[in-house]
């Protein structure tokens, strides 16, 4: 399983460990991923995602999963999140009519 946030696309970064003697060795910066279950108000059900803690705060800031998904670019979303986004968009359009 790749270390990538399903909602924001935040992934592993690389860089250097730098010692006091200024020796450089390669290292990896891993995102802080957590398994979280988020509720969709429009669909009335919950979805489980592997999220970074930054994404979890962003979802809360945007008043829930539905609003966050509609604002997020498709390139950043995983296949599962894209599927949920399409369902949410379809349900919102049906409710608006």
PDB file of N, CA and C in Angstrom:
ATOM      1  N   UNK A   1       0.845  -1.178   0.000  1.00  0.00           N
ATOM      2  CA  UNK A   1       0.000   0.000   0.000  1.00  0.00           C
ATOM      3  C   UNK A   1       0.891   1.242   0.000  1.00  0.00           C
ATOM      4  N   UNK A   2       0.661   2.119  -0.926  1.00  0.00           N
ATOM      5  CA  UNK A   2       1.482   3.323  -1.063  1.00  0.00           C
ATOM      6  C   UNK A   2       1.226   4.289   0.083  1.00  0.00           C
ATOM      7  N   UNK A   3       2.248   5.016   0.484  1.00  0.00           N
ATOM      8  CA  UNK A   3       2.106   6.007   1.554  1.00  0.00           C
ATOM      9  C   UNK A   3       1.660   7.335   0.953  1.00  0.00           C
ATOM     10  N   UNK A   4       0.394   7.380   0.547  1.00  0.00           N
ATOM     11  CA  UNK A   4      -0.176   8.565  -0.076  1.00  0.00           C
ATOM     12  C   UNK A   4      -1.540   8.833   0.551  1.00  0.00           C
ATOM     13  N   UNK A   5      -1.799  10.086   0.874  1.00  0.00           N
ATOM     14  CA  UNK A   5      -3.103  10.486   1.401  1.00  0.00           C
ATOM     15  C   UNK A   5      -4.130  10.369   0.277  1.00  0.00           C
ATOM     16  N   UNK A   6      -5.270   9.770   0.580  1.00  0.00           N
ATOM     17  CA  UNK A   6      -6.286   9.544  -0.454  1.00  0.00           C
ATOM     18  C   UNK A   6      -7.042  10.806  -0.852  1.00  0.00           C
ATOM     19  N   UNK A   7      -7.054  11.823   0.002  1.00  0.00           N
ATOM     20  CA  UNK A   7      -7.819  13.030  -0.306  1.00  0.00           C
ATOM     21  C   UNK A   7      -6.963  14.190  -0.808  1.00  0.00           C
ATOM     22  N   UNK A   8      -5.730  14.302  -0.347  1.00  0.00           N
ATOM     23  CA  UNK A   8      -4.903  15.438  -0.754  1.00  0.00           C
ATOM     24  C   UNK A   8      -3.761  15.044  -1.677  1.00  0.00           C
ATOM     25  N   UNK A   9      -3.435  13.766  -1.760  1.00  0.00           N
ATOM     26  CA  UNK A   9      -2.328  13.328  -2.602  1.00  0.00           C
ATOM     27  C   UNK A   9      -0.968  13.544  -1.966  1.00  0.00           C
ATOM     28  N   UNK A  10      -0.932  13.940  -0.694  1.00  0.00           N
ATOM     29  CA  UNK A  10       0.338  14.153   0.010  1.00  0.00           C
ATOM     30  C   UNK A  10       1.071  12.822   0.091  1.00  0.00           C
ATOM     31  N   UNK A  11       2.349  12.795  -0.352  1.00  0.00           N
ATOM     32  CA  UNK A  11       3.105  11.550  -0.439  1.00  0.00           C
ATOM     33  C   UNK A  11       4.475  11.697   0.218  1.00  0.00           C
ATOM     34  N   UNK A  12       5.273  10.653   0.087  1.00  0.00           N
ATOM     35  CA  UNK A  12       6.614  10.629   0.654  1.00  0.00           C
ATOM     36  C   UNK A  12       7.498  11.657  -0.051  1.00  0.00           C
ATOM     37  N   UNK A  13       8.290  12.396   0.743  1.00  0.00           N
ATOM     38  CA  UNK A  13       9.272  13.333   0.194  1.00  0.00           C
ATOM     39  C   UNK A  13      10.662  12.838   0.567  1.00  0.00           C
ATOM     40  N   UNK A  14      11.660  13.274  -0.178  1.00  0.00           N
ATOM     41  CA  UNK A  14      13.026  12.869   0.129  1.00  0.00           C
ATOM     42  C   UNK A  14      13.879  14.088   0.439  1.00  0.00           C
ATOM     43  N   UNK A  15      14.952  13.844   1.151  1.00  0.00           N
ATOM     44  CA  UNK A  15      15.860  14.918   1.518  1.00  0.00           C
ATOM     45  C   UNK A  15      17.139  14.344   2.096  1.00  0.00           C
ATOM     46  N   UNK A  16      17.844  15.149   2.869  1.00  0.00           N
ATOM     47  CA  UNK A  16      19.109  14.724   3.451  1.00  0.00           C
ATOM     48  C   UNK A  16      19.082  14.821   4.971  1.00  0.00           C
ATOM     49  N   UNK A  17      19.738  13.830   5.618  1.00  0.00           N
ATOM     50  CA  UNK A  17      20.153  13.999   7.001  1.00  0.00           C
ATOM     51  C   UNK A  17      21.487  14.716   6.920  1.00  0.00           C
ATOM     52  N   UNK A  18      21.675  15.752   7.703  1.00  0.00           N
ATOM     53  CA  UNK A  18      22.933  16.492   7.682  1.00  0.00           C
ATOM     54  C   UNK A  18      23.538  16.426   9.080  1.00  0.00           C
ATOM     55  N   UNK A  19      24.732  15.825   9.171  1.00  0.00           N
ATOM     56  CA  UNK A  19      25.398  15.675  10.462  1.00  0.00           C
ATOM     57  C   UNK A  19      26.111  16.974  10.851  1.00  0.00           C
ATOM     58  N   UNK A  20      26.655  16.980  12.060  1.00  0.00           N
ATOM     59  CA  UNK A  20      27.403  18.138  12.540  1.00  0.00           C
ATOM     60  C   UNK A  20      28.635  18.391  11.655  1.00  0.00           C
ATOM     61  N   UNK A  21      29.211  17.302  11.120  1.00  0.00           N
ATOM     62  CA  UNK A  21      30.368  17.418  10.221  1.00  0.00           C
ATOM     63  C   UNK A  21      29.934  17.720   8.787  1.00  0.00           C
ATOM     64  N   UNK A  22      28.652  17.966   8.602  1.00  0.00           N
ATOM     65  CA  UNK A  22      28.051  18.302   7.317  1.00  0.00           C
ATOM     66  C   UNK A  22      28.097  17.148   6.316  1.00  0.00           C
ATOM     67  N   UNK A  23      28.096  15.902   6.828  1.00  0.00           N
ATOM     68  CA  UNK A  23      27.949  14.728   5.964  1.00  0.00           C
ATOM     69  C   UNK A  23      26.472  14.596   5.624  1.00  0.00           C
ATOM     70  N   UNK A  24      26.191  14.285   4.377  1.00  0.00           N
ATOM     71  CA  UNK A  24      24.800  14.181   3.938  1.00  0.00           C
ATOM     72  C   UNK A  24      24.477  12.733   3.576  1.00  0.00           C
ATOM     73  N   UNK A  25      23.383  12.226   4.128  1.00  0.00           N
ATOM     74  CA  UNK A  25      22.875  10.910   3.759  1.00  0.00           C
ATOM     75  C   UNK A  25      21.400  11.069   3.410  1.00  0.00           C
ATOM     76  N   UNK A  26      20.951  10.308   2.431  1.00  0.00           N
ATOM     77  CA  UNK A  26      19.567  10.440   1.963  1.00  0.00           C
ATOM     78  C   UNK A  26      18.601   9.896   3.004  1.00  0.00           C
ATOM     79  N   UNK A  27      17.433  10.503   3.070  1.00  0.00           N
ATOM     80  CA  UNK A  27      16.389  10.055   3.975  1.00  0.00           C
ATOM     81  C   UNK A  27      15.028  10.297   3.353  1.00  0.00           C
ATOM     82  N   UNK A  28      13.995   9.745   3.984  1.00  0.00           N
ATOM     83  CA  UNK A  28      12.621   9.903   3.509  1.00  0.00           C
ATOM     84  C   UNK A  28      11.797  10.596   4.585  1.00  0.00           C
ATOM     85  N   UNK A  29      10.968  11.539   4.149  1.00  0.00           N
ATOM     86  CA  UNK A  29      10.017  12.198   5.037  1.00  0.00           C
ATOM     87  C   UNK A  29       8.652  11.571   4.757  1.00  0.00           C
ATOM     88  N   UNK A  30       8.124  10.818   5.717  1.00  0.00           N
ATOM     89  CA  UNK A  30       6.865  10.116   5.527  1.00  0.00           C
ATOM     90  C   UNK A  30       5.692  10.984   5.995  1.00  0.00           C
ATOM     91  N   UNK A  31       4.586  10.983   5.262  1.00  0.00           N
ATOM     92  CA  UNK A  31       3.412  11.729   5.717  1.00  0.00           C
ATOM     93  C   UNK A  31       2.785  11.036   6.927  1.00  0.00           C
ATOM     94  N   UNK A  32       2.147  11.802   7.765  1.00  0.00           N
ATOM     95  CA  UNK A  32       1.496  11.263   8.966  1.00  0.00           C
ATOM     96  C   UNK A  32       0.120  10.751   8.574  1.00  0.00           C
ATOM     97  N   UNK A  33       0.042   9.477   8.156  1.00  0.00           N
ATOM     98  CA  UNK A  33      -1.207   8.895   7.670  1.00  0.00           C
ATOM     99  C   UNK A  33      -1.943   8.155   8.777  1.00  0.00           C
ATOM    100  N   UNK A  34      -3.251   8.332   8.812  1.00  0.00           N
ATOM    101  CA  UNK A  34      -4.132   7.671   9.772  1.00  0.00           C
ATOM    102  C   UNK A  34      -5.324   7.102   9.025  1.00  0.00           C
ATOM    103  N   UNK A  35      -5.862   5.999   9.531  1.00  0.00           N
ATOM    104  CA  UNK A  35      -7.078   5.438   8.955  1.00  0.00           C
ATOM    105  C   UNK A  35      -8.258   6.136   9.618  1.00  0.00           C
ATOM    106  N   UNK A  36      -9.128   6.729   8.814  1.00  0.00           N
ATOM    107  CA  UNK A  36     -10.249   7.494   9.355  1.00  0.00           C
ATOM    108  C   UNK A  36     -11.529   7.145   8.608  1.00  0.00           C
ATOM    109  N   UNK A  37     -12.623   7.162   9.330  1.00  0.00           N
ATOM    110  CA  UNK A  37     -13.937   6.951   8.738  1.00  0.00           C
ATOM    111  C   UNK A  37     -14.685   8.271   8.795  1.00  0.00           C
ATOM    112  N   UNK A  38     -15.109   8.745   7.622  1.00  0.00           N
ATOM    113  CA  UNK A  38     -15.784  10.037   7.519  1.00  0.00           C
ATOM    114  C   UNK A  38     -17.210   9.835   7.024  1.00  0.00           C
ATOM    115  N   UNK A  39     -18.108  10.626   7.552  1.00  0.00           N
ATOM    116  CA  UNK A  39     -19.531  10.523   7.224  1.00  0.00           C
ATOM    117  C   UNK A  39     -19.899  11.518   6.123  1.00  0.00           C
ATOM    118  N   UNK A  40     -20.643  11.043   5.133  1.00  0.00           N
ATOM    119  CA  UNK A  40     -21.182  11.904   4.089  1.00  0.00           C
ATOM    120  C   UNK A  40     -22.631  12.227   4.439  1.00  0.00           C
ATOM    121  N   UNK A  41     -22.935  13.526   4.602  1.00  0.00           N
ATOM    122  CA  UNK A  41     -24.292  13.919   4.960  1.00  0.00           C
ATOM    123  C   UNK A  41     -25.260  13.721   3.802  1.00  0.00           C
ATOM    124  N   UNK A  42     -24.801  13.981   2.587  1.00  0.00           N
ATOM    125  CA  UNK A  42     -25.672  13.872   1.409  1.00  0.00           C
ATOM    126  C   UNK A  42     -26.033  12.419   1.131  1.00  0.00           C
ATOM    127  N   UNK A  43     -25.041  11.527   1.219  1.00  0.00           N
ATOM    128  CA  UNK A  43     -25.280  10.117   0.920  1.00  0.00           C
ATOM    129  C   UNK A  43     -25.800   9.345   2.126  1.00  0.00           C
ATOM    130  N   UNK A  44     -25.589   9.876   3.330  1.00  0.00           N
ATOM    131  CA  UNK A  44     -26.084   9.219   4.527  1.00  0.00           C
ATOM    132  C   UNK A  44     -25.323   7.966   4.916  1.00  0.00           C
ATOM    133  N   UNK A  45     -24.080   7.869   4.547  1.00  0.00           N
ATOM    134  CA  UNK A  45     -23.258   6.712   4.918  1.00  0.00           C
ATOM    135  C   UNK A  45     -21.825   7.144   5.152  1.00  0.00           C
ATOM    136  N   UNK A  46     -21.038   6.246   5.717  1.00  0.00           N
ATOM    137  CA  UNK A  46     -19.659   6.584   6.048  1.00  0.00           C
ATOM    138  C   UNK A  46     -18.689   5.890   5.091  1.00  0.00           C
ATOM    139  N   UNK A  47     -17.522   6.496   4.942  1.00  0.00           N
ATOM    140  CA  UNK A  47     -16.476   5.985   4.064  1.00  0.00           C
ATOM    141  C   UNK A  47     -15.164   5.956   4.832  1.00  0.00           C
ATOM    142  N   UNK A  48     -14.369   4.924   4.587  1.00  0.00           N
ATOM    143  CA  UNK A  48     -13.096   4.770   5.271  1.00  0.00           C
ATOM    144  C   UNK A  48     -11.970   5.155   4.313  1.00  0.00           C
ATOM    145  N   UNK A  49     -11.074   6.035   4.779  1.00  0.00           N
ATOM    146  CA  UNK A  49      -9.953   6.508   3.966  1.00  0.00           C
ATOM    147  C   UNK A  49      -8.661   6.449   4.779  1.00  0.00           C
ATOM    148  N   UNK A  50      -7.552   6.434   4.094  1.00  0.00           N
ATOM    149  CA  UNK A  50      -6.236   6.567   4.715  1.00  0.00           C
ATOM    150  C   UNK A  50      -5.793   8.011   4.473  1.00  0.00           C
ATOM    151  N   UNK A  51      -5.851   8.839   5.517  1.00  0.00           N
ATOM    152  CA  UNK A  51      -5.675  10.279   5.389  1.00  0.00           C
ATOM    153  C   UNK A  51      -4.453  10.766   6.143  1.00  0.00           C
ATOM    154  N   UNK A  52      -3.907  11.879   5.666  1.00  0.00           N
ATOM    155  CA  UNK A  52      -2.919  12.594   6.465  1.00  0.00           C
ATOM    156  C   UNK A  52      -3.683  13.400   7.503  1.00  0.00           C
ATOM    157  N   UNK A  53      -3.023  13.715   8.600  1.00  0.00           N
ATOM    158  CA  UNK A  53      -3.685  14.497   9.640  1.00  0.00           C
ATOM    159  C   UNK A  53      -4.020  15.898   9.131  1.00  0.00           C
ATOM    160  N   UNK A  54      -3.231  16.410   8.203  1.00  0.00           N
ATOM    161  CA  UNK A  54      -3.519  17.702   7.583  1.00  0.00           C
ATOM    162  C   UNK A  54      -4.849  17.636   6.815  1.00  0.00           C
ATOM    163  N   UNK A  55      -5.084  16.538   6.094  1.00  0.00           N
ATOM    164  CA  UNK A  55      -6.332  16.378   5.340  1.00  0.00           C
ATOM    165  C   UNK A  55      -7.516  16.267   6.280  1.00  0.00           C
ATOM    166  N   UNK A  56      -7.330  15.597   7.407  1.00  0.00           N
ATOM    167  CA  UNK A  56      -8.404  15.451   8.376  1.00  0.00           C
ATOM    168  C   UNK A  56      -8.827  16.812   8.928  1.00  0.00           C
ATOM    169  N   UNK A  57      -7.853  17.678   9.208  1.00  0.00           N
ATOM    170  CA  UNK A  57      -8.164  19.027   9.663  1.00  0.00           C
ATOM    171  C   UNK A  57      -8.838  19.833   8.555  1.00  0.00           C
ATOM    172  N   UNK A  58      -8.404  19.629   7.319  1.00  0.00           N
ATOM    173  CA  UNK A  58      -8.996  20.350   6.185  1.00  0.00           C
ATOM    174  C   UNK A  58     -10.451  19.951   5.965  1.00  0.00           C
ATOM    175  N   UNK A  59     -10.751  18.678   6.146  1.00  0.00           N
ATOM    176  CA  UNK A  59     -12.136  18.208   6.010  1.00  0.00           C
ATOM    177  C   UNK A  59     -13.001  18.887   7.064  1.00  0.00           C
ATOM    178  N   UNK A  60     -12.518  18.952   8.292  1.00  0.00           N
ATOM    179  CA  UNK A  60     -13.263  19.615   9.363  1.00  0.00           C
ATOM    180  C   UNK A  60     -13.445  21.108   9.062  1.00  0.00           C
ATOM    181  N   UNK A  61     -12.403  21.741   8.536  1.00  0.00           N
ATOM    182  CA  UNK A  61     -12.455  23.163   8.219  1.00  0.00           C
ATOM    183  C   UNK A  61     -13.483  23.468   7.127  1.00  0.00           C
ATOM    184  N   UNK A  62     -13.658  22.532   6.177  1.00  0.00           N
ATOM    185  CA  UNK A  62     -14.596  22.719   5.061  1.00  0.00           C
ATOM    186  C   UNK A  62     -15.994  22.182   5.368  1.00  0.00           C
ATOM    187  N   UNK A  63     -16.310  21.985   6.637  1.00  0.00           N
ATOM    188  CA  UNK A  63     -17.641  21.550   7.073  1.00  0.00           C
ATOM    189  C   UNK A  63     -18.034  20.185   6.535  1.00  0.00           C
ATOM    190  N   UNK A  64     -17.108  19.245   6.526  1.00  0.00           N
ATOM    191  CA  UNK A  64     -17.446  17.868   6.207  1.00  0.00           C
ATOM    192  C   UNK A  64     -16.856  17.362   4.906  1.00  0.00           C
ATOM    193  N   UNK A  65     -17.033  16.059   4.727  1.00  0.00           N
ATOM    194  CA  UNK A  65     -16.449  15.350   3.585  1.00  0.00           C
ATOM    195  C   UNK A  65     -17.025  15.829   2.256  1.00  0.00           C
ATOM    196  N   UNK A  66     -18.328  16.067   2.197  1.00  0.00           N
ATOM    197  CA  UNK A  66     -18.970  16.433   0.930  1.00  0.00           C
ATOM    198  C   UNK A  66     -18.405  17.731   0.358  1.00  0.00           C
ATOM    199  N   UNK A  67     -18.347  18.778   1.167  1.00  0.00           N
ATOM    200  CA  UNK A  67     -17.831  20.066   0.696  1.00  0.00           C
ATOM    201  C   UNK A  67     -16.357  19.963   0.331  1.00  0.00           C
ATOM    202  N   UNK A  68     -15.593  19.211   1.128  1.00  0.00           N
ATOM    203  CA  UNK A  68     -14.165  19.064   0.844  1.00  0.00           C
ATOM    204  C   UNK A  68     -13.941  18.391  -0.502  1.00  0.00           C
ATOM    205  N   UNK A  69     -14.666  17.301  -0.770  1.00  0.00           N
ATOM    206  CA  UNK A  69     -14.495  16.570  -2.033  1.00  0.00           C
ATOM    207  C   UNK A  69     -14.871  17.421  -3.235  1.00  0.00           C
ATOM    208  N   UNK A  70     -15.939  18.211  -3.108  1.00  0.00           N
ATOM    209  CA  UNK A  70     -16.369  19.035  -4.239  1.00  0.00           C
ATOM    210  C   UNK A  70     -15.365  20.139  -4.549  1.00  0.00           C
ATOM    211  N   UNK A  71     -14.619  20.607  -3.541  1.00  0.00           N
ATOM    212  CA  UNK A  71     -13.620  21.656  -3.762  1.00  0.00           C
ATOM    213  C   UNK A  71     -12.278  21.102  -4.231  1.00  0.00           C
ATOM    214  N   UNK A  72     -12.006  19.828  -3.964  1.00  0.00           N
ATOM    215  CA  UNK A  72     -10.693  19.242  -4.248  1.00  0.00           C
ATOM    216  C   UNK A  72     -10.543  18.906  -5.734  1.00  0.00           C
ATOM    217  N   UNK A  73      -9.319  19.060  -6.254  1.00  0.00           N
ATOM    218  CA  UNK A  73      -9.036  18.710  -7.654  1.00  0.00           C
ATOM    219  C   UNK A  73      -9.018  17.194  -7.820  1.00  0.00           C
ATOM    220  N   UNK A  74      -9.451  16.723  -8.995  1.00  0.00           N
ATOM    221  CA  UNK A  74      -9.509  15.288  -9.257  1.00  0.00           C
ATOM    222  C   UNK A  74      -8.136  14.637  -9.281  1.00  0.00           C
ATOM    223  N   UNK A  75      -7.086  15.387  -9.656  1.00  0.00           N
ATOM    224  CA  UNK A  75      -5.739  14.818  -9.746  1.00  0.00           C
ATOM    225  C   UNK A  75      -5.224  14.383  -8.373  1.00  0.00           C
ATOM    226  N   UNK A  76      -5.669  15.049  -7.313  1.00  0.00           N
ATOM    227  CA  UNK A  76      -5.187  14.747  -5.968  1.00  0.00           C
ATOM    228  C   UNK A  76      -5.911  13.579  -5.324  1.00  0.00           C
ATOM    229  N   UNK A  77      -7.091  13.244  -5.804  1.00  0.00           N
ATOM    230  CA  UNK A  77      -7.919  12.220  -5.175  1.00  0.00           C
ATOM    231  C   UNK A  77      -7.562  10.825  -5.654  1.00  0.00           C
ATOM    232  N   UNK A  78      -7.718   9.838  -4.767  1.00  0.00           N
ATOM    233  CA  UNK A  78      -7.525   8.439  -5.135  1.00  0.00           C
ATOM    234  C   UNK A  78      -8.747   7.967  -5.930  1.00  0.00           C
ATOM    235  N   UNK A  79      -8.675   6.755  -6.442  1.00  0.00           N
ATOM    236  CA  UNK A  79      -9.782   6.203  -7.224  1.00  0.00           C
ATOM    237  C   UNK A  79     -11.039   6.067  -6.355  1.00  0.00           C
ATOM    238  N   UNK A  80     -10.867   5.630  -5.116  1.00  0.00           N
ATOM    239  CA  UNK A  80     -12.008   5.468  -4.212  1.00  0.00           C
ATOM    240  C   UNK A  80     -12.632   6.824  -3.884  1.00  0.00           C
ATOM    241  N   UNK A  81     -11.796   7.831  -3.656  1.00  0.00           N
ATOM    242  CA  UNK A  81     -12.302   9.170  -3.336  1.00  0.00           C
ATOM    243  C   UNK A  81     -13.003   9.791  -4.544  1.00  0.00           C
ATOM    244  N   UNK A  82     -12.495   9.547  -5.740  1.00  0.00           N
ATOM    245  CA  UNK A  82     -13.146  10.042  -6.961  1.00  0.00           C
ATOM    246  C   UNK A  82     -14.540   9.439  -7.115  1.00  0.00           C
ATOM    247  N   UNK A  83     -14.655   8.165  -6.802  1.00  0.00           N
ATOM    248  CA  UNK A  83     -15.942   7.476  -6.894  1.00  0.00           C
ATOM    249  C   UNK A  83     -16.950   8.114  -5.927  1.00  0.00           C
ATOM    250  N   UNK A  84     -16.487   8.403  -4.706  1.00  0.00           N
ATOM    251  CA  UNK A  84     -17.357   9.036  -3.710  1.00  0.00           C
ATOM    252  C   UNK A  84     -17.731  10.441  -4.163  1.00  0.00           C
ATOM    253  N   UNK A  85     -16.760  11.173  -4.739  1.00  0.00           N
ATOM    254  CA  UNK A  85     -17.025  12.535  -5.209  1.00  0.00           C
ATOM    255  C   UNK A  85     -18.110  12.537  -6.280  1.00  0.00           C
ATOM    256  N   UNK A  86     -18.061  11.589  -7.202  1.00  0.00           N
ATOM    257  CA  UNK A  86     -19.076  11.504  -8.253  1.00  0.00           C
ATOM    258  C   UNK A  86     -20.454  11.208  -7.666  1.00  0.00           C
ATOM    259  N   UNK A  87     -20.497  10.331  -6.653  1.00  0.00           N
ATOM    260  CA  UNK A  87     -21.772  10.012  -6.010  1.00  0.00           C
ATOM    261  C   UNK A  87     -22.343  11.232  -5.289  1.00  0.00           C
ATOM    262  N   UNK A  88     -21.467  11.977  -4.604  1.00  0.00           N
ATOM    263  CA  UNK A  88     -21.904  13.168  -3.874  1.00  0.00           C
ATOM    264  C   UNK A  88     -22.423  14.220  -4.844  1.00  0.00           C
ATOM    265  N   UNK A  89     -21.688  14.428  -5.937  1.00  0.00           N
ATOM    266  CA  UNK A  89     -22.099  15.432  -6.930  1.00  0.00           C
ATOM    267  C   UNK A  89     -23.457  15.068  -7.537  1.00  0.00           C
ATOM    268  N   UNK A  90     -23.642  13.791  -7.836  1.00  0.00           N
ATOM    269  CA  UNK A  90     -24.894  13.321  -8.419  1.00  0.00           C
ATOM    270  C   UNK A  90     -26.043  13.495  -7.426  1.00  0.00           C
ATOM    271  N   UNK A  91     -25.810  13.179  -6.161  1.00  0.00           N
ATOM    272  CA  UNK A  91     -26.857  13.313  -5.145  1.00  0.00           C
ATOM    273  C   UNK A  91     -27.204  14.772  -4.885  1.00  0.00           C
ATOM    274  N   UNK A  92     -26.194  15.658  -4.898  1.00  0.00           N
ATOM    275  CA  UNK A  92     -26.461  17.090  -4.691  1.00  0.00           C
ATOM    276  C   UNK A  92     -27.254  17.672  -5.849  1.00  0.00           C
ATOM    277  N   UNK A  93     -26.915  17.250  -7.079  1.00  0.00           N
ATOM    278  CA  UNK A  93     -27.643  17.745  -8.243  1.00  0.00           C
ATOM    279  C   UNK A  93     -29.098  17.269  -8.222  1.00  0.00           C
ATOM    280  N   UNK A  94     -29.312  16.035  -7.783  1.00  0.00           N
ATOM    281  CA  UNK A  94     -30.671  15.494  -7.707  1.00  0.00           C
ATOM    282  C   UNK A  94     -31.473  16.204  -6.620  1.00  0.00           C
ATOM    283  N   UNK A  95     -30.825  16.558  -5.520  1.00  0.00           N
ATOM    284  CA  UNK A  95     -31.510  17.251  -4.427  1.00  0.00           C
ATOM    285  C   UNK A  95     -31.846  18.700  -4.807  1.00  0.00           C
ATOM    286  N   UNK A  96     -31.025  19.284  -5.668  1.00  0.00           N
ATOM    287  CA  UNK A  96     -31.235  20.683  -6.068  1.00  0.00           C
ATOM    288  C   UNK A  96     -32.429  20.817  -7.001  1.00  0.00           C
ATOM    289  N   UNK A  97     -32.757  19.773  -7.715  1.00  0.00           N
ATOM    290  CA  UNK A  97     -33.864  19.827  -8.680  1.00  0.00           C
ATOM    291  C   UNK A  97     -35.206  19.668  -8.034  1.00  0.00           C
TER     292      UNK A  97
END
